[in-house]
């Protein structure tokens, strides 16, 4: 991958050879258009190898109990992506795993540190191919020890995280982690940075982790389809979508009405509401690091996935890349100002209120 930044009149610098290289998120950059021999966005290949699976689209849903359930897993598989079942009732997860295995539906299964190896072995027997050690602070030694143990004793493809820099990614490689989940504090329902002061701007986090040569799930900071393109250009293997999917028909939960609008409930996995429901106590040793809210319903997830796919394809054609590997090699970023961030948005909007 190039990791090139454009500075005018053909001059480029390779990340991180400039002063603010360690403070970049998606809103801080645009991809530079390049000379292209791609005649149509329809012919570019958005397929990706993700562990044991060949996906048509580099999209994975977040392991959140208000985002990914049975409907989301099945629909994303149909659309060419993959879902991640959140931690929860192992009996239900194993039953779903057996069904998905029989039907050849790709899925990632989440587990925690407690009983991690035992649960991984049970999932392996049920047909699972990939597991996620779903821990917010992926730099903990216990995470890496568990990853090594699961990998060596089951042969499953192991995803671990979250982490956010080169040092952590290199340590993951030493412990046999196959794929790193990268992003700390950038989620749409996350308050980690506000509560702890810890985090790395998401584009920098992806650039850091991929520099270690480890496959990366870019997790967090995605607000628009263009952010998915920027993450892939930075070298991510796949992009995790959480709050952006909130309100789609396929998310778990019932539709209700609020002030004349149809809404659904969504919450972060570190929210006080989630912790209360899962008997995790708040105390002097633990604070909540997420929020819960209602979002307006937005219809089938297919419309959103198609929008992401279309945006990524168009981005690849602008850069002159026929597939995602070529995309990350050819892509060049340009640093932008706050005025440019405003210019990026539609300039004329009719007020319908």
Protein backbone atom coordinates (compact mmCIF):
# COMPACT_ATOMS: atom_id res chain seq x y z
CA UNK A 1 0.00 0.00 0.00
CA UNK A 2 1.23 3.49 -0.82
CA UNK A 3 0.25 5.57 2.27
CA UNK A 4 0.99 8.60 0.10
CA UNK A 5 -0.18 12.14 0.84
CA UNK A 6 -0.30 14.76 -1.88
CA UNK A 7 1.13 18.25 -1.23
CA UNK A 8 0.72 19.98 -4.61
CA UNK A 9 2.33 20.12 -8.05
CA UNK A 10 3.11 16.42 -8.01
CA UNK A 11 4.87 16.48 -4.64
CA UNK A 12 4.04 13.66 -2.22
CA UNK A 13 5.15 12.54 1.21
CA UNK A 14 4.79 9.07 2.60
CA UNK A 15 2.94 8.84 5.87
CA UNK A 16 4.03 9.63 8.60
CA UNK A 17 6.68 12.05 7.26
CA UNK A 18 4.83 15.25 8.13
CA UNK A 19 4.01 17.01 11.45
CA UNK A 20 0.31 16.17 11.92
CA UNK A 21 0.46 12.60 10.62
CA UNK A 22 -0.61 11.18 13.98
CA UNK A 23 -3.82 13.20 14.31
CA UNK A 24 -5.88 12.29 11.26
CA UNK A 25 -9.42 11.08 11.01
CA UNK A 26 -11.56 10.59 7.91
CA UNK A 27 -12.83 14.17 7.93
CA UNK A 28 -9.23 15.48 7.69
CA UNK A 29 -8.56 14.08 4.21
CA UNK A 30 -9.89 13.56 0.73
CA UNK A 31 -8.73 11.02 -1.83
CA UNK A 32 -7.01 12.58 -4.82
CA UNK A 33 -8.51 11.86 -8.26
CA UNK A 34 -5.96 10.30 -10.60
CA UNK A 35 -5.66 9.50 -14.28
CA UNK A 36 -7.72 6.36 -14.81
CA UNK A 37 -8.25 3.76 -17.50
CA UNK A 38 -11.29 2.31 -15.73
CA UNK A 39 -14.15 2.77 -18.25
CA UNK A 40 -16.94 2.06 -15.77
CA UNK A 41 -17.38 1.72 -12.02
CA UNK A 42 -19.44 -1.39 -12.71
CA UNK A 43 -16.36 -3.42 -13.69
CA UNK A 44 -14.24 -2.85 -10.57
CA UNK A 45 -13.87 -5.74 -8.14
CA UNK A 46 -14.84 -4.99 -4.53
CA UNK A 47 -14.23 -8.56 -3.42
CA UNK A 48 -11.97 -9.30 -0.47
CA UNK A 49 -10.43 -12.33 1.22
CA UNK A 50 -11.47 -12.18 4.86
CA UNK A 51 -10.03 -15.07 6.81
CA UNK A 52 -11.62 -18.25 5.39
CA UNK A 53 -14.28 -16.33 3.47
CA UNK A 54 -14.36 -14.74 0.02
CA UNK A 55 -16.66 -11.73 0.31
CA UNK A 56 -18.07 -9.65 -2.54
CA UNK A 57 -18.01 -6.51 -0.41
CA UNK A 58 -15.66 -5.46 2.45
CA UNK A 59 -18.41 -4.81 4.97
CA UNK A 60 -18.86 -6.41 8.39
CA UNK A 61 -21.52 -5.51 10.97
CA UNK A 62 -20.57 -4.62 14.53
CA UNK A 63 -21.11 -7.10 17.38
CA UNK A 64 -23.79 -4.97 19.04
CA UNK A 65 -27.01 -6.45 20.39
CA UNK A 66 -29.09 -3.68 18.78
CA UNK A 67 -27.31 -3.96 15.41
CA UNK A 68 -26.57 -7.60 14.60
CA UNK A 69 -28.95 -10.50 15.02
CA UNK A 70 -30.11 -13.38 12.87
CA UNK A 71 -31.80 -11.14 10.26
CA UNK A 72 -28.73 -8.94 9.83
CA UNK A 73 -26.34 -11.89 9.51
CA UNK A 74 -28.49 -13.50 6.82
CA UNK A 75 -29.09 -10.31 4.86
CA UNK A 76 -25.42 -9.24 4.87
CA UNK A 77 -24.43 -12.72 3.65
CA UNK A 78 -26.94 -12.34 0.82
CA UNK A 79 -25.51 -8.89 -0.04
CA UNK A 80 -21.91 -10.10 -0.07
CA UNK A 81 -20.74 -8.95 3.37
CA UNK A 82 -20.62 -10.64 6.76
CA UNK A 83 -22.19 -10.21 10.18
CA UNK A 84 -20.71 -10.49 13.67
CA UNK A 85 -22.94 -11.99 16.35
CA UNK A 86 -22.44 -10.17 19.69
CA UNK A 87 -21.49 -11.82 22.94
CA UNK A 88 -24.48 -13.24 24.75
CA UNK A 89 -26.32 -16.49 25.33
CA UNK A 90 -23.96 -19.25 24.16
CA UNK A 91 -26.79 -21.75 23.72
CA UNK A 92 -28.49 -19.48 21.19
CA UNK A 93 -25.19 -18.65 19.49
CA UNK A 94 -24.33 -22.33 19.09
CA UNK A 95 -27.76 -23.09 17.65
CA UNK A 96 -27.34 -20.28 15.12
CA UNK A 97 -23.81 -21.42 14.35
CA UNK A 98 -25.05 -24.91 13.47
CA UNK A 99 -27.76 -23.47 11.20
CA UNK A 100 -25.37 -21.08 9.47
CA UNK A 101 -22.85 -23.87 8.95
CA UNK A 102 -25.48 -26.11 7.34
CA UNK A 103 -26.66 -23.25 5.11
CA UNK A 104 -23.12 -22.04 4.38
CA UNK A 105 -23.80 -18.57 5.74
CA UNK A 106 -20.60 -16.74 6.76
CA UNK A 107 -20.54 -15.34 10.28
CA UNK A 108 -18.12 -14.19 12.95
CA UNK A 109 -18.87 -15.22 16.54
CA UNK A 110 -17.92 -13.03 19.52
CA UNK A 111 -16.64 -14.19 22.87
CA UNK A 112 -15.06 -12.61 25.93
CA UNK A 113 -12.14 -13.41 28.19
CA UNK A 114 -14.21 -15.48 30.60
CA UNK A 115 -14.44 -19.09 29.36
CA UNK A 116 -12.96 -17.88 26.08
CA UNK A 117 -11.14 -21.08 25.12
CA UNK A 118 -14.03 -23.32 26.14
CA UNK A 119 -16.52 -21.24 24.14
CA UNK A 120 -14.19 -21.18 21.13
CA UNK A 121 -13.95 -24.97 21.23
CA UNK A 122 -17.76 -25.28 21.41
CA UNK A 123 -18.14 -22.92 18.45
CA UNK A 124 -15.54 -24.88 16.51
CA UNK A 125 -17.55 -28.09 17.03
CA UNK A 126 -20.68 -26.28 15.86
CA UNK A 127 -18.94 -25.32 12.62
CA UNK A 128 -17.56 -21.84 13.28
CA UNK A 129 -14.54 -20.73 11.24
CA UNK A 130 -13.88 -17.30 12.77
CA UNK A 131 -14.16 -15.89 16.27
CA UNK A 132 -13.73 -12.40 17.68
CA UNK A 133 -12.27 -11.78 21.11
CA UNK A 134 -14.51 -8.80 21.72
CA UNK A 135 -12.68 -6.63 24.24
CA UNK A 136 -12.57 -2.82 24.15
CA UNK A 137 -9.01 -2.70 25.50
CA UNK A 138 -7.33 -5.17 23.15
CA UNK A 139 -3.86 -4.29 24.42
CA UNK A 140 -4.41 -6.33 27.58
CA UNK A 141 -2.04 -9.26 27.98
CA UNK A 142 -4.98 -11.58 28.75
CA UNK A 143 -6.40 -10.91 25.27
CA UNK A 144 -3.17 -11.86 23.54
CA UNK A 145 -2.69 -14.95 25.67
CA UNK A 146 -6.23 -16.09 24.91
CA UNK A 147 -5.77 -15.41 21.19
CA UNK A 148 -2.63 -17.54 21.13
CA UNK A 149 -4.32 -20.31 23.09
CA UNK A 150 -7.41 -20.39 20.85
CA UNK A 151 -5.33 -20.29 17.70
CA UNK A 152 -2.97 -23.06 18.78
CA UNK A 153 -5.68 -25.36 20.18
CA UNK A 154 -8.52 -24.89 17.69
CA UNK A 155 -7.05 -23.55 14.46
CA UNK A 156 -9.87 -21.02 14.19
CA UNK A 157 -9.24 -17.70 12.51
CA UNK A 158 -8.82 -15.32 15.44
CA UNK A 159 -9.83 -11.66 15.41
CA UNK A 160 -8.93 -9.60 18.47
CA UNK A 161 -9.37 -6.04 19.55
CA UNK A 162 -9.79 -3.24 19.79
CA UNK A 163 -6.34 -1.73 19.32
CA UNK A 164 -5.25 1.54 17.72
CA UNK A 165 -1.53 1.72 16.92
CA UNK A 166 1.54 0.08 15.38
CA UNK A 167 3.02 -1.17 18.67
CA UNK A 168 -0.15 -3.05 19.55
CA UNK A 169 -0.51 -4.48 16.05
CA UNK A 170 3.07 -5.81 16.12
CA UNK A 171 2.37 -7.45 19.48
CA UNK A 172 -0.74 -9.06 18.01
CA UNK A 173 1.36 -10.58 15.24
CA UNK A 174 3.72 -12.07 17.82
CA UNK A 175 0.79 -13.73 19.58
CA UNK A 176 -0.70 -15.25 16.44
CA UNK A 177 -3.71 -12.94 16.02
CA UNK A 178 -4.94 -13.26 12.44
CA UNK A 179 -6.89 -10.01 12.15
CA UNK A 180 -6.91 -6.89 14.32
CA UNK A 181 -10.04 -4.92 15.08
CA UNK A 182 -8.80 -1.33 15.03
CA UNK A 183 -10.40 1.75 16.54
CA UNK A 184 -10.65 3.23 20.03
CA UNK A 185 -13.28 5.81 20.82
CA UNK A 186 -14.50 6.62 17.31
CA UNK A 187 -17.83 4.78 17.34
CA UNK A 188 -21.07 6.70 16.88
CA UNK A 189 -22.35 5.54 20.27
CA UNK A 190 -19.01 5.60 22.08
CA UNK A 191 -17.92 7.98 24.87
CA UNK A 192 -14.52 6.39 25.59
CA UNK A 193 -12.55 9.47 24.59
CA UNK A 194 -14.77 11.73 26.71
CA UNK A 195 -14.65 9.45 29.75
CA UNK A 196 -11.03 8.27 29.61
CA UNK A 197 -9.13 10.67 27.39
CA UNK A 198 -7.85 7.65 25.45
CA UNK A 199 -8.04 7.18 21.69
CA UNK A 200 -6.38 7.61 18.30
CA UNK A 201 -8.04 9.45 15.38
CA UNK A 202 -9.41 6.70 13.20
CA UNK A 203 -7.51 7.22 9.95
CA UNK A 204 -4.22 7.37 11.83
CA UNK A 205 -5.17 4.23 13.75
CA UNK A 206 -5.80 2.33 10.50
CA UNK A 207 -2.56 3.61 8.92
CA UNK A 208 -0.63 2.63 12.07
CA UNK A 209 -2.02 -0.89 12.37
CA UNK A 210 -1.78 -1.76 8.68
CA UNK A 211 1.86 -0.62 8.68
CA UNK A 212 2.52 -3.65 10.87
CA UNK A 213 1.45 -5.91 8.01
CA UNK A 214 -1.56 -7.26 9.87
CA UNK A 215 -5.04 -7.55 8.28
CA UNK A 216 -7.27 -4.90 9.82
CA UNK A 217 -10.96 -4.36 10.51
CA UNK A 218 -11.46 -0.59 10.51
CA UNK A 219 -13.97 -0.09 13.33
CA UNK A 220 -15.41 3.36 14.05
CA UNK A 221 -15.64 6.83 12.63
CA UNK A 222 -17.71 5.87 9.58
CA UNK A 223 -20.49 8.39 8.93
CA UNK A 224 -20.69 8.34 5.13
CA UNK A 225 -19.94 5.84 2.35
CA UNK A 226 -16.88 7.91 1.50
CA UNK A 227 -15.40 7.06 4.89
CA UNK A 228 -15.52 3.37 3.93
CA UNK A 229 -13.55 4.20 0.79
CA UNK A 230 -10.97 6.16 2.82
CA UNK A 231 -10.55 3.26 5.26
CA UNK A 232 -10.00 0.79 2.42
CA UNK A 233 -7.56 3.19 0.73
CA UNK A 234 -5.62 3.33 4.00
CA UNK A 235 -5.13 -0.43 3.81
CA UNK A 236 -8.01 -1.87 5.84
CA UNK A 237 -9.11 -5.37 4.85
CA UNK A 238 -12.73 -4.71 5.77
CA UNK A 239 -14.81 -1.97 7.42
CA UNK A 240 -17.06 -2.52 10.44
CA UNK A 241 -20.42 -0.75 10.43
CA UNK A 242 -22.37 -0.22 13.65
CA UNK A 243 -24.41 2.92 14.28
CA UNK A 244 -24.67 3.62 10.55
CA UNK A 245 -26.87 0.50 10.32
CA UNK A 246 -29.04 1.62 13.24
CA UNK A 247 -32.69 1.97 12.31
CA UNK A 248 -32.59 -0.50 9.42
CA UNK A 249 -35.27 -3.15 9.17
CA UNK A 250 -32.81 -5.97 9.90
CA UNK A 251 -31.55 -4.70 13.28
CA UNK A 252 -32.99 -6.41 16.36
CA UNK A 253 -35.73 -4.66 18.32
CA UNK A 254 -39.25 -3.42 17.76
CA UNK A 255 -40.34 -0.31 15.92
CA UNK A 256 -42.14 2.24 18.07
CA UNK A 257 -43.48 5.74 17.50
CA UNK A 258 -42.09 8.93 18.99
CA UNK A 259 -43.38 12.40 18.13
CA UNK A 260 -45.05 11.00 15.05
CA UNK A 261 -41.91 9.27 13.79
CA UNK A 262 -41.11 5.55 13.63
CA UNK A 263 -38.02 4.80 15.72
CA UNK A 264 -35.87 1.93 17.00
CA UNK A 265 -33.67 1.66 20.07
CA UNK A 266 -29.90 1.46 19.74
CA UNK A 267 -27.13 1.36 22.34
CA UNK A 268 -23.41 0.95 22.65
CA UNK A 269 -22.10 -2.24 24.24
CA UNK A 270 -20.38 -0.13 26.91
CA UNK A 271 -23.47 1.95 27.69
CA UNK A 272 -24.96 2.05 31.17
CA UNK A 273 -28.14 0.51 29.76
CA UNK A 274 -26.31 -2.48 28.28
CA UNK A 275 -24.28 -2.95 31.45
CA UNK A 276 -27.40 -2.90 33.62
CA UNK A 277 -29.16 -5.50 31.46
CA UNK A 278 -26.09 -7.73 31.54
CA UNK A 279 -25.49 -7.33 35.29
CA UNK A 280 -22.23 -5.40 34.90
CA UNK A 281 -21.87 -3.05 37.84
CA UNK A 282 -20.80 0.56 37.57
CA UNK A 283 -18.46 1.50 40.42
CA UNK A 284 -15.30 3.40 41.30
CA UNK A 285 -13.46 0.83 39.15
CA UNK A 286 -15.71 0.98 36.08
CA UNK A 287 -17.61 3.67 34.19
CA UNK A 288 -19.89 3.44 31.21
CA UNK A 289 -18.30 4.39 27.89
CA UNK A 290 -21.29 4.49 25.56
CA UNK A 291 -24.76 5.89 25.07
CA UNK A 292 -28.23 4.62 24.26
CA UNK A 293 -30.73 6.48 22.09
CA UNK A 294 -33.62 6.21 19.67
CA UNK A 295 -33.05 6.54 15.93
CA UNK A 296 -35.51 7.01 13.11
CA UNK A 297 -36.16 3.93 10.99
CA UNK A 298 -34.51 4.04 7.56
CA UNK A 299 -35.80 0.93 5.80
CA UNK A 300 -33.94 -2.11 4.42
CA UNK A 301 -30.21 -2.40 5.08
CA UNK A 302 -29.80 -3.26 1.39
CA UNK A 303 -30.29 0.39 0.43
CA UNK A 304 -27.47 1.44 2.74
CA UNK A 305 -25.17 -1.38 1.64
CA UNK A 306 -25.84 -0.53 -2.02
CA UNK A 307 -24.96 3.10 -1.27
CA UNK A 308 -21.67 2.01 0.33
CA UNK A 309 -20.92 -0.32 -2.57
CA UNK A 310 -21.70 2.35 -5.14
CA UNK A 311 -19.56 4.93 -3.35
CA UNK A 312 -16.62 2.54 -3.06
CA UNK A 313 -16.86 1.56 -6.72
CA UNK A 314 -16.95 5.18 -7.79
CA UNK A 315 -13.97 6.00 -5.57
CA UNK A 316 -11.98 3.15 -7.11
CA UNK A 317 -12.76 4.42 -10.61
CA UNK A 318 -11.62 7.95 -9.66
CA UNK A 319 -8.33 6.52 -8.39
CA UNK A 320 -7.93 4.18 -11.37
CA UNK A 321 -8.02 0.91 -9.43
CA UNK A 322 -9.58 -2.29 -10.74
CA UNK A 323 -9.58 -4.07 -7.36
CA UNK A 324 -9.11 -3.25 -3.70
CA UNK A 325 -5.43 -4.21 -3.56
CA UNK A 326 -4.69 -1.84 -6.41
CA UNK A 327 -6.88 0.77 -4.73
CA UNK A 328 -4.77 0.85 -1.57
CA UNK A 329 -1.58 1.00 -3.68
CA UNK A 330 -2.70 3.83 -5.95
CA UNK A 331 -4.66 5.91 -3.45
CA UNK A 332 -3.24 9.28 -2.41
CA UNK A 333 -4.67 11.38 0.40
CA UNK A 334 -4.81 15.13 0.53
CA UNK A 335 -4.97 17.03 3.81
CA UNK A 336 -7.87 19.48 3.95
CA UNK A 337 -8.95 22.51 5.97
CA UNK A 338 -12.08 23.07 8.04
CA UNK A 339 -13.33 25.26 5.17
CA UNK A 340 -12.95 22.29 2.83
CA UNK A 341 -14.89 20.12 5.26
CA UNK A 342 -17.78 22.58 4.92
CA UNK A 343 -17.36 22.67 1.14
CA UNK A 344 -17.65 18.85 1.07
CA UNK A 345 -21.29 19.09 2.13
CA UNK A 346 -24.25 20.06 -0.05
CA UNK A 347 -24.33 23.87 -0.34
CA UNK A 348 -28.03 24.43 -0.95
CA UNK A 349 -30.52 22.62 1.26
CA UNK A 350 -34.25 23.34 1.28
CA UNK A 351 -35.65 23.64 4.79
CA UNK A 352 -38.75 21.41 4.91
CA UNK A 353 -39.55 22.07 8.58
